[in-house]
C-alpha atoms as a PDB file:
ATOM      1  CA  MET A   1       3.821  12.559 -59.707  1.00  0.00           C
ATOM      2  CA  LYS A   2       7.305  11.094 -59.235  1.00  0.00           C
ATOM      3  CA  THR A   3       7.870  13.344 -56.250  1.00  0.00           C
ATOM      4  CA  LEU A   4       5.169  11.610 -54.174  1.00  0.00           C
ATOM      5  CA  PRO A   5       6.938   8.229 -53.891  1.00  0.00           C
ATOM      6  CA  ARG A   6      10.184  10.043 -53.123  1.00  0.00           C
ATOM      7  CA  LEU A   7       8.409  12.066 -50.436  1.00  0.00           C
ATOM      8  CA  LEU A   8       6.886   8.952 -48.906  1.00  0.00           C
ATOM      9  CA  LEU A   9      10.264   7.254 -48.965  1.00  0.00           C
ATOM     10  CA  ALA A  10      11.849  10.247 -47.262  1.00  0.00           C
ATOM     11  CA  ILE A  11       9.145  10.271 -44.579  1.00  0.00           C
ATOM     12  CA  GLY A  12       9.659   6.552 -44.029  1.00  0.00           C
ATOM     13  CA  LEU A  13      13.400   6.997 -43.607  1.00  0.00           C
ATOM     14  CA  ILE A  14      12.863   9.864 -41.141  1.00  0.00           C
ATOM     15  CA  THR A  15      10.396   7.764 -39.131  1.00  0.00           C
ATOM     16  CA  ILE A  16      12.864   4.877 -38.956  1.00  0.00           C
ATOM     17  CA  ALA A  17      15.629   7.267 -37.986  1.00  0.00           C
ATOM     18  CA  LEU A  18      13.494   8.622 -35.150  1.00  0.00           C
ATOM     19  CA  ARG A  19      12.455   5.186 -33.935  1.00  0.00           C
ATOM     20  CA  ILE A  20      15.978   3.806 -33.672  1.00  0.00           C
ATOM     21  CA  PRO A  21      17.183   6.305 -31.026  1.00  0.00           C
ATOM     22  CA  LEU A  22      13.875   5.892 -29.157  1.00  0.00           C
ATOM     23  CA  ALA A  23      14.283   2.121 -29.136  1.00  0.00           C
ATOM     24  CA  ILE A  24      17.854   2.486 -27.940  1.00  0.00           C
ATOM     25  CA  LEU A  25      16.712   4.864 -25.193  1.00  0.00           C
ATOM     26  CA  LEU A  26      13.961   2.519 -24.024  1.00  0.00           C
ATOM     27  CA  ALA A  27      16.306  -0.450 -24.089  1.00  0.00           C
ATOM     28  CA  SER A  28      18.979   1.396 -22.163  1.00  0.00           C
ATOM     29  CA  THR A  29      16.403   2.512 -19.595  1.00  0.00           C
ATOM     30  CA  THR A  30      15.337  -1.113 -19.074  1.00  0.00           C
ATOM     31  CA  VAL A  31      18.948  -2.237 -18.768  1.00  0.00           C
ATOM     32  CA  ARG A  32      19.678   0.505 -16.225  1.00  0.00           C
ATOM     33  CA  ALA A  33      16.632  -0.553 -14.194  1.00  0.00           C
ATOM     34  CA  GLN A  34      17.756  -4.196 -14.277  1.00  0.00           C
ATOM     35  CA  GLU A  35      21.269  -3.181 -13.254  1.00  0.00           C
ATOM     36  CA  SER A  36      19.912  -0.970 -10.457  1.00  0.00           C
ATOM     37  CA  GLY A  37      18.242  -3.991  -8.912  1.00  0.00           C
ATOM     38  CA  SER A  38      21.559  -5.820  -8.618  1.00  0.00           C
ATOM     39  CA  GLN A  39      24.147  -3.075  -8.071  1.00  0.00           C
ATOM     40  CA  SER A  40      25.380  -1.847  -4.712  1.00  0.00           C
ATOM     41  CA  ALA A  41      24.275   1.701  -3.995  1.00  0.00           C
ATOM     42  CA  PRO A  42      27.095   4.239  -3.673  1.00  0.00           C
ATOM     43  CA  ALA A  43      27.731   5.488  -0.143  1.00  0.00           C
ATOM     44  CA  GLY A  44      25.468   8.386   0.741  1.00  0.00           C
ATOM     45  CA  LEU A  45      22.723   7.503  -1.750  1.00  0.00           C
ATOM     46  CA  ALA A  46      19.194   7.838  -0.304  1.00  0.00           C
ATOM     47  CA  VAL A  47      18.212   4.259  -1.134  1.00  0.00           C
ATOM     48  CA  MET A  48      14.824   4.112   0.579  1.00  0.00           C
ATOM     49  CA  GLN A  49      12.051   6.398   1.770  1.00  0.00           C
ATOM     50  CA  MET A  50       9.538   5.034   4.269  1.00  0.00           C
ATOM     51  CA  SER A  51       6.428   6.303   6.020  1.00  0.00           C
ATOM     52  CA  GLY A  52       3.925   4.815   8.407  1.00  0.00           C
ATOM     53  CA  ARG A  53       2.995   4.616  12.054  1.00  0.00           C
ATOM     54  CA  ALA A  54       4.718   3.621  15.290  1.00  0.00           C
ATOM     55  CA  PHE A  55       3.032   2.043  18.312  1.00  0.00           C
ATOM     56  CA  GLN A  56       4.371   2.121  21.885  1.00  0.00           C
ATOM     57  CA  GLU A  57       3.560   0.269  25.088  1.00  0.00           C
ATOM     58  CA  GLY A  58       4.910   3.281  26.982  1.00  0.00           C
ATOM     59  CA  LEU A  59       7.925   5.556  26.993  1.00  0.00           C
ATOM     60  CA  GLN A  60      10.030   3.999  29.755  1.00  0.00           C
ATOM     61  CA  ALA A  61      12.940   1.576  29.695  1.00  0.00           C
ATOM     62  CA  GLY A  62      11.650  -1.921  28.984  1.00  0.00           C
ATOM     63  CA  ASP A  63       8.569  -0.750  27.071  1.00  0.00           C
ATOM     64  CA  ARG A  64       7.959  -2.306  23.675  1.00  0.00           C
ATOM     65  CA  ASP A  65       7.732  -0.426  20.383  1.00  0.00           C
ATOM     66  CA  GLN A  66       6.575  -1.474  16.914  1.00  0.00           C
ATOM     67  CA  ALA A  67       6.571   0.458  13.634  1.00  0.00           C
ATOM     68  CA  ARG A  68       4.395  -0.496  10.660  1.00  0.00           C
ATOM     69  CA  LEU A  69       5.781   1.236   7.590  1.00  0.00           C
ATOM     70  CA  PHE A  70       5.850   1.028   3.829  1.00  0.00           C
ATOM     71  CA  ILE A  71       8.587   1.814   1.310  1.00  0.00           C
ATOM     72  CA  TRP A  72       7.551   4.416  -1.260  1.00  0.00           C
ATOM     73  CA  SER A  73      10.923   5.031  -2.924  1.00  0.00           C
ATOM     74  CA  LEU A  74      13.645   2.497  -3.783  1.00  0.00           C
ATOM     75  CA  GLU A  75      16.614   4.015  -5.595  1.00  0.00           C
ATOM     76  CA  GLY A  76      19.529   2.598  -7.570  1.00  0.00           C
ATOM     77  CA  PRO A  77      22.798   4.359  -8.499  1.00  0.00           C
ATOM     78  CA  ASP A  78      21.282   6.316 -11.415  1.00  0.00           C
ATOM     79  CA  GLN A  79      17.500   6.074 -11.142  1.00  0.00           C
ATOM     80  CA  SER A  80      14.637   4.363  -9.355  1.00  0.00           C
ATOM     81  CA  ILE A  81      15.296   0.624  -9.312  1.00  0.00           C
ATOM     82  CA  LEU A  82      12.080  -0.075 -11.239  1.00  0.00           C
ATOM     83  CA  GLY A  83      12.756   2.658 -13.812  1.00  0.00           C
ATOM     84  CA  PRO A  84      12.347   6.443 -13.985  1.00  0.00           C
ATOM     85  CA  ASP A  85       9.484   7.700 -11.797  1.00  0.00           C
ATOM     86  CA  ALA A  86       8.161   4.169 -11.232  1.00  0.00           C
ATOM     87  CA  PRO A  87       5.747   4.139  -8.255  1.00  0.00           C
ATOM     88  CA  LEU A  88       5.919   1.451  -5.569  1.00  0.00           C
ATOM     89  CA  PHE A  89       2.144   1.043  -5.425  1.00  0.00           C
ATOM     90  CA  GLU A  90       0.234  -1.643  -7.350  1.00  0.00           C
ATOM     91  CA  PRO A  91      -1.649   0.137 -10.219  1.00  0.00           C
ATOM     92  CA  GLY A  92      -4.853  -1.912 -10.039  1.00  0.00           C
ATOM     93  CA  CYS A  93      -5.107  -1.344  -6.302  1.00  0.00           C
ATOM     94  CA  VAL A  94      -4.407   2.373  -6.723  1.00  0.00           C
ATOM     95  CA  ALA A  95      -7.224   2.648  -9.290  1.00  0.00           C
ATOM     96  CA  LYS A  96      -9.671   1.436  -6.624  1.00  0.00           C
ATOM     97  CA  PHE A  97      -8.223   2.731  -3.365  1.00  0.00           C
ATOM     98  CA  SER A  98      -5.635   5.450  -4.243  1.00  0.00           C
ATOM     99  CA  GLU A  99      -1.956   5.497  -3.304  1.00  0.00           C
ATOM    100  CA  GLY A 100      -1.053   4.730   0.282  1.00  0.00           C
ATOM    101  CA  VAL A 101      -0.221   1.986   2.710  1.00  0.00           C
ATOM    102  CA  GLN A 102      -3.144  -0.089   1.449  1.00  0.00           C
ATOM    103  CA  CYS A 103      -1.582  -0.485  -2.012  1.00  0.00           C
ATOM    104  CA  ALA A 104       2.168  -0.520  -1.257  1.00  0.00           C
ATOM    105  CA  TYR A 105       4.311  -3.368  -2.580  1.00  0.00           C
ATOM    106  CA  PHE A 106       6.717  -3.238   0.374  1.00  0.00           C
ATOM    107  CA  PRO A 107       5.293  -3.220   3.924  1.00  0.00           C
ATOM    108  CA  VAL A 108       7.836  -3.089   6.750  1.00  0.00           C
ATOM    109  CA  VAL A 109       7.534  -4.230  10.384  1.00  0.00           C
ATOM    110  CA  VAL A 110       9.954  -3.025  13.081  1.00  0.00           C
ATOM    111  CA  ASN A 111      10.126  -4.661  16.520  1.00  0.00           C
ATOM    112  CA  ALA A 112      12.075  -2.941  19.297  1.00  0.00           C
ATOM    113  CA  ILE A 113      12.350  -2.388  23.054  1.00  0.00           C
ATOM    114  CA  PHE A 114      13.394   0.811  24.827  1.00  0.00           C
ATOM    115  CA  ALA A 115      16.657   0.145  26.679  1.00  0.00           C
ATOM    116  CA  GLU A 116      17.296   3.544  28.248  1.00  0.00           C
ATOM    117  CA  THR A 117      15.353   6.782  28.609  1.00  0.00           C
ATOM    118  CA  PHE A 118      16.379  10.084  30.151  1.00  0.00           C
ATOM    119  CA  ASP A 119      15.602  13.809  30.136  1.00  0.00           C
ATOM    120  CA  THR A 120      18.175  16.569  29.555  1.00  0.00           C
ATOM    121  CA  SER A 121      16.051  19.271  31.232  1.00  0.00           C
ATOM    122  CA  THR A 122      17.392  21.502  34.008  1.00  0.00           C
ATOM    123  CA  PRO A 123      15.447  23.836  36.322  1.00  0.00           C
ATOM    124  CA  ASP A 124      16.158  26.799  34.064  1.00  0.00           C
ATOM    125  CA  LEU A 125      15.534  25.170  30.652  1.00  0.00           C
ATOM    126  CA  VAL A 126      13.269  22.513  29.148  1.00  0.00           C
ATOM    127  CA  GLY A 127      15.510  19.966  27.465  1.00  0.00           C
ATOM    128  CA  HIS A 128      15.046  16.914  25.285  1.00  0.00           C
ATOM    129  CA  ASN A 129      13.838  13.419  26.042  1.00  0.00           C
ATOM    130  CA  ALA A 130      16.264  10.756  24.820  1.00  0.00           C
ATOM    131  CA  ILE A 131      15.792   7.055  24.154  1.00  0.00           C
ATOM    132  CA  ARG A 132      18.337   4.386  23.294  1.00  0.00           C
ATOM    133  CA  LEU A 133      16.739   1.234  21.936  1.00  0.00           C
ATOM    134  CA  ALA A 134      17.933  -2.221  22.940  1.00  0.00           C
ATOM    135  CA  SER A 135      19.946  -4.579  20.802  1.00  0.00           C
ATOM    136  CA  GLY A 136      17.710  -7.169  19.195  1.00  0.00           C
ATOM    137  CA  GLU A 137      15.732  -4.582  17.214  1.00  0.00           C
ATOM    138  CA  THR A 138      14.778  -5.951  13.781  1.00  0.00           C
ATOM    139  CA  TRP A 139      13.380  -4.466  10.569  1.00  0.00           C
ATOM    140  CA  ARG A 140      11.527  -6.916   8.321  1.00  0.00           C
ATOM    141  CA  ILE A 141      10.699  -5.987   4.713  1.00  0.00           C
ATOM    142  CA  PHE A 142       7.945  -7.911   2.950  1.00  0.00           C
ATOM    143  CA  PHE A 143       7.073  -8.060  -0.764  1.00  0.00           C
ATOM    144  CA  ASP A 144       3.340  -8.177  -1.497  1.00  0.00           C
ATOM    145  CA  PRO A 145       2.968  -8.429  -5.302  1.00  0.00           C
ATOM    146  CA  ALA A 146      -0.813  -8.042  -5.252  1.00  0.00           C
ATOM    147  CA  PRO A 147      -2.036  -5.718  -2.464  1.00  0.00           C
ATOM    148  CA  ASP A 148      -5.838  -5.649  -2.424  1.00  0.00           C
ATOM    149  CA  GLY A 149      -6.475  -2.408  -0.559  1.00  0.00           C
ATOM    150  CA  THR A 150      -7.238  -4.023   2.814  1.00  0.00           C
ATOM    151  CA  ARG A 151      -3.929  -3.316   4.574  1.00  0.00           C
ATOM    152  CA  SER A 152      -4.322  -0.977   7.544  1.00  0.00           C
ATOM    153  CA  TYR A 153      -2.130   0.192  10.405  1.00  0.00           C
ATOM    154  CA  GLU A 154      -4.467  -1.432  12.919  1.00  0.00           C
ATOM    155  CA  ASN A 155      -3.995  -4.882  11.346  1.00  0.00           C
ATOM    156  CA  LEU A 156      -0.500  -6.313  11.870  1.00  0.00           C
ATOM    157  CA  ALA A 157      -1.276  -9.426   9.823  1.00  0.00           C
ATOM    158  CA  SER A 158      -1.951  -7.261   6.778  1.00  0.00           C
ATOM    159  CA  PHE A 159       1.641  -5.948   7.020  1.00  0.00           C
ATOM    160  CA  GLU A 160       3.125  -9.416   7.302  1.00  0.00           C
ATOM    161  CA  LYS A 161       1.252 -10.668   4.259  1.00  0.00           C
ATOM    162  CA  GLY A 162       3.550 -11.536   1.392  1.00  0.00           C
ATOM    163  CA  LYS A 163       7.095 -12.807   1.038  1.00  0.00           C
ATOM    164  CA  PRO A 164       9.773 -11.757   3.550  1.00  0.00           C
ATOM    165  CA  VAL A 165      12.593 -10.398   1.373  1.00  0.00           C
ATOM    166  CA  ALA A 166      14.955  -8.725   3.858  1.00  0.00           C
ATOM    167  CA  VAL A 167      15.696  -8.640   7.574  1.00  0.00           C
ATOM    168  CA  TYR A 168      17.917  -5.969   9.132  1.00  0.00           C
ATOM    169  CA  ALA A 169      19.388  -5.719  12.619  1.00  0.00           C
ATOM    170  CA  ALA A 170      19.244  -2.186  13.988  1.00  0.00           C
ATOM    171  CA  ARG A 171      20.818   0.129  16.522  1.00  0.00           C
ATOM    172  CA  GLU A 172      18.553   3.112  17.095  1.00  0.00           C
ATOM    173  CA  PHE A 173      18.559   6.374  19.035  1.00  0.00           C
ATOM    174  CA  ILE A 174      15.717   8.875  19.491  1.00  0.00           C
ATOM    175  CA  THR A 175      15.417  12.402  20.848  1.00  0.00           C
ATOM    176  CA  SER A 176      12.216  14.394  21.212  1.00  0.00           C
ATOM    177  CA  ASP A 177      11.400  18.033  21.877  1.00  0.00           C
ATOM    178  CA  VAL A 178       8.210  18.514  23.877  1.00  0.00           C
ATOM    179  CA  GLU A 179       8.216  22.257  23.144  1.00  0.00           C
ATOM    180  CA  THR A 180       7.983  21.785  19.369  1.00  0.00           C
ATOM    181  CA  ASN A 181       6.258  18.375  19.290  1.00  0.00           C
ATOM    182  CA  PHE A 182       9.102  16.961  17.204  1.00  0.00           C
ATOM    183  CA  VAL A 183      10.789  13.558  17.357  1.00  0.00           C
ATOM    184  CA  LEU A 184      14.070  12.719  15.606  1.00  0.00           C
ATOM    185  CA  ALA A 185      15.232   9.108  15.194  1.00  0.00           C
ATOM    186  CA  ARG A 186      18.603   7.888  13.964  1.00  0.00           C
ATOM    187  CA  ASN A 187      19.549   4.292  13.268  1.00  0.00           C
ATOM    188  CA  ASN A 188      22.104   1.972  11.726  1.00  0.00           C
ATOM    189  CA  LEU A 189      20.758  -1.022   9.798  1.00  0.00           C
ATOM    190  CA  THR A 190      22.799  -4.126   8.938  1.00  0.00           C
ATOM    191  CA  LEU A 191      21.337  -6.803   6.688  1.00  0.00           C
ATOM    192  CA  ILE A 192      20.919 -10.217   8.311  1.00  0.00           C
ATOM    193  CA  SER A 193      19.237 -12.073   5.453  1.00  0.00           C
ATOM    194  CA  SER A 194      17.683 -11.414   2.062  1.00  0.00           C
ATOM    195  CA  THR A 195      15.782 -13.283  -0.644  1.00  0.00           C
ATOM    196  CA  PRO A 196      15.857 -12.113  -4.296  1.00  0.00           C
ATOM    197  CA  PHE A 197      12.492 -11.406  -5.921  1.00  0.00           C
ATOM    198  CA  THR A 198      11.212 -10.044  -9.228  1.00  0.00           C
ATOM    199  CA  LEU A 199       8.870  -7.102  -9.822  1.00  0.00           C
ATOM    200  CA  ASN A 200       7.995  -5.729 -13.273  1.00  0.00           C
ATOM    201  CA  GLY A 201      10.726  -7.877 -14.794  1.00  0.00           C
ATOM    202  CA  ILE A 202      13.404  -6.469 -12.466  1.00  0.00           C
ATOM    203  CA  THR A 203      15.126  -8.810 -10.008  1.00  0.00           C
ATOM    204  CA  ILE A 204      15.863  -7.099  -6.694  1.00  0.00           C
ATOM    205  CA  ASP A 205      18.166  -8.341  -3.941  1.00  0.00           C
ATOM    206  CA  PHE A 206      18.658  -6.155  -0.858  1.00  0.00           C
ATOM    207  CA  LYS A 207      21.957  -7.945  -0.206  1.00  0.00           C
ATOM    208  CA  LYS A 208      23.338  -6.331  -3.351  1.00  0.00           C
ATOM    209  CA  ILE A 209      21.711  -2.900  -3.245  1.00  0.00           C
ATOM    210  CA  ALA A 210      21.639  -2.064   0.480  1.00  0.00           C
ATOM    211  CA  PRO A 211      23.590  -4.346   2.853  1.00  0.00           C
ATOM    212  CA  ARG A 212      24.062  -1.447   5.282  1.00  0.00           C
ATOM    213  CA  LEU A 213      21.957   1.663   5.782  1.00  0.00           C
ATOM    214  CA  MET A 214      21.893   4.764   7.968  1.00  0.00           C
ATOM    215  CA  GLY A 215      18.417   6.063   8.671  1.00  0.00           C
ATOM    216  CA  VAL A 216      17.071   9.395   9.858  1.00  0.00           C
ATOM    217  CA  GLY A 217      13.394   9.622  10.745  1.00  0.00           C
ATOM    218  CA  HIS A 218      11.006  12.233  12.097  1.00  0.00           C
ATOM    219  CA  ALA A 219       7.714  12.005  13.937  1.00  0.00           C
ATOM    220  CA  ARG A 220       5.380  13.797  16.308  1.00  0.00           C
ATOM    221  CA  LEU A 221       5.204  13.023  20.003  1.00  0.00           C
ATOM    222  CA  PRO A 222       3.189   9.852  20.705  1.00  0.00           C
ATOM    223  CA  GLU A 223      -0.442  10.288  21.682  1.00  0.00           C
ATOM    224  CA  PRO A 224      -3.029   7.881  23.138  1.00  0.00           C
ATOM    225  CA  ASP A 225      -4.318   5.303  20.680  1.00  0.00           C
ATOM    226  CA  PRO A 226      -8.137   5.086  20.816  1.00  0.00           C
ATOM    227  CA  SER A 227      -7.850   1.437  19.726  1.00  0.00           C
ATOM    228  CA  PRO A 228      -4.906  -0.098  21.627  1.00  0.00           C
ATOM    229  CA  GLN A 229      -3.125  -2.846  19.712  1.00  0.00           C
ATOM    230  CA  PRO A 230      -2.248  -6.183  21.389  1.00  0.00           C
ATOM    231  CA  ILE A 231       1.507  -6.755  21.524  1.00  0.00           C
ATOM    232  CA  PRO A 232       2.465  -9.862  19.477  1.00  0.00           C
ATOM    233  CA  THR A 233       4.407 -11.750  22.150  1.00  0.00           C
ATOM    234  CA  ASN A 234       5.120 -14.544  19.643  1.00  0.00           C
ATOM    235  CA  GLU A 235       7.480 -12.172  17.776  1.00  0.00           C
ATOM    236  CA  PRO A 236      11.021 -11.473  19.049  1.00  0.00           C
ATOM    237  CA  PRO A 237      11.943  -9.622  21.150  1.00  0.00           C
ATOM    238  CA  PHE A 238       8.479  -9.080  22.638  1.00  0.00           C
ATOM    239  CA  GLY A 239       7.996 -12.445  24.356  1.00  0.00           C
ATOM    240  CA  SER A 240      10.229 -11.810  27.347  1.00  0.00           C
ATOM    241  CA  LYS A 241       7.754  -9.473  29.055  1.00  0.00           C
ATOM    242  CA  GLY A 242       4.425 -11.243  28.600  1.00  0.00           C
ATOM    243  CA  PRO A 243       1.068  -9.912  27.298  1.00  0.00           C
ATOM    244  CA  GLY A 244       0.422  -6.202  26.887  1.00  0.00           C
ATOM    245  CA  PHE A 245      -0.923  -3.499  24.612  1.00  0.00           C
ATOM    246  CA  PHE A 246       0.471  -0.715  22.463  1.00  0.00           C
ATOM    247  CA  VAL A 247      -1.418   2.227  23.967  1.00  0.00           C
ATOM    248  CA  LEU A 248       0.346   5.080  22.129  1.00  0.00           C
ATOM    249  CA  HIS A 249       0.802   5.824  18.436  1.00  0.00           C
ATOM    250  CA  GLU A 250       2.429   8.413  16.176  1.00  0.00           C
ATOM    251  CA  PRO A 251       3.035   9.044  12.457  1.00  0.00           C
ATOM    252  CA  ILE A 252       6.622   8.528  11.321  1.00  0.00           C
ATOM    253  CA  SER A 253       8.686   8.895   8.139  1.00  0.00           C
ATOM    254  CA  GLY A 254      12.352   8.462   7.309  1.00  0.00           C
ATOM    255  CA  THR A 255      15.120   8.383   4.741  1.00  0.00           C
ATOM    256  CA  PHE A 256      17.744   5.618   4.576  1.00  0.00           C
ATOM    257  CA  GLN A 257      21.161   6.145   3.043  1.00  0.00           C
ATOM    258  CA  ALA A 258      23.678   3.555   1.892  1.00  0.00           C
ATOM    259  CA  VAL A 259      26.915   3.297   3.870  1.00  0.00           C
ATOM    260  CA  GLN A 260      30.074   1.331   3.213  1.00  0.00           C
ATOM    261  CA  PRO A 261      29.734  -2.363   4.167  1.00  0.00           C
END
């Protein structure tokens, strides 16, 4: 009978011994997540992944272009900024509407104008179409802590709901291949302003984690939009040309890597 208390004591000691490393692991994971939200990303790190839709007034110089995106990955030096495998979709919204733009914490709005367009084709070979976008292009990142499932690509206001947390200036270049229906975009993003915010107990400041980024995106060739979107002329740099409509649209995704400030 004396062996039973000893056995229970031994089991208790083993349980405590197992819990201590687990507690240390959980604590260290939380600390790493908190640090990831305030540390600069090493050069070359794929800090952000975005997807969404782009809308165009046309494909000629002077035409206006807007992308409505959402961030679905935000990485720190060692792990996702919010912790290992942490999604960037609000759980309650996902339970009702599934993962997607409608439940994303971080909608993004890009405003741009085509500065130069040209075609590299020759009589003997179909080439590429190239576009250089004008200076004045901006990328605005919003933080919506409680998405309700109503955000849609056709509703610009639903993308601008929430707190603006970062604004980037951009220089962007695009080439497209009409033979393969493939579009490749490259850009350089430089942070203009940022506002710290807190999500799941982690404080995030884009000024610290991603002051400069290099992006590479891919898309299909634009096609007619059955529901043309009015161009928001009250938003820079769209006001210089007057009223109009985005008559084309295309799906787009991209990866954004940290570069040296």
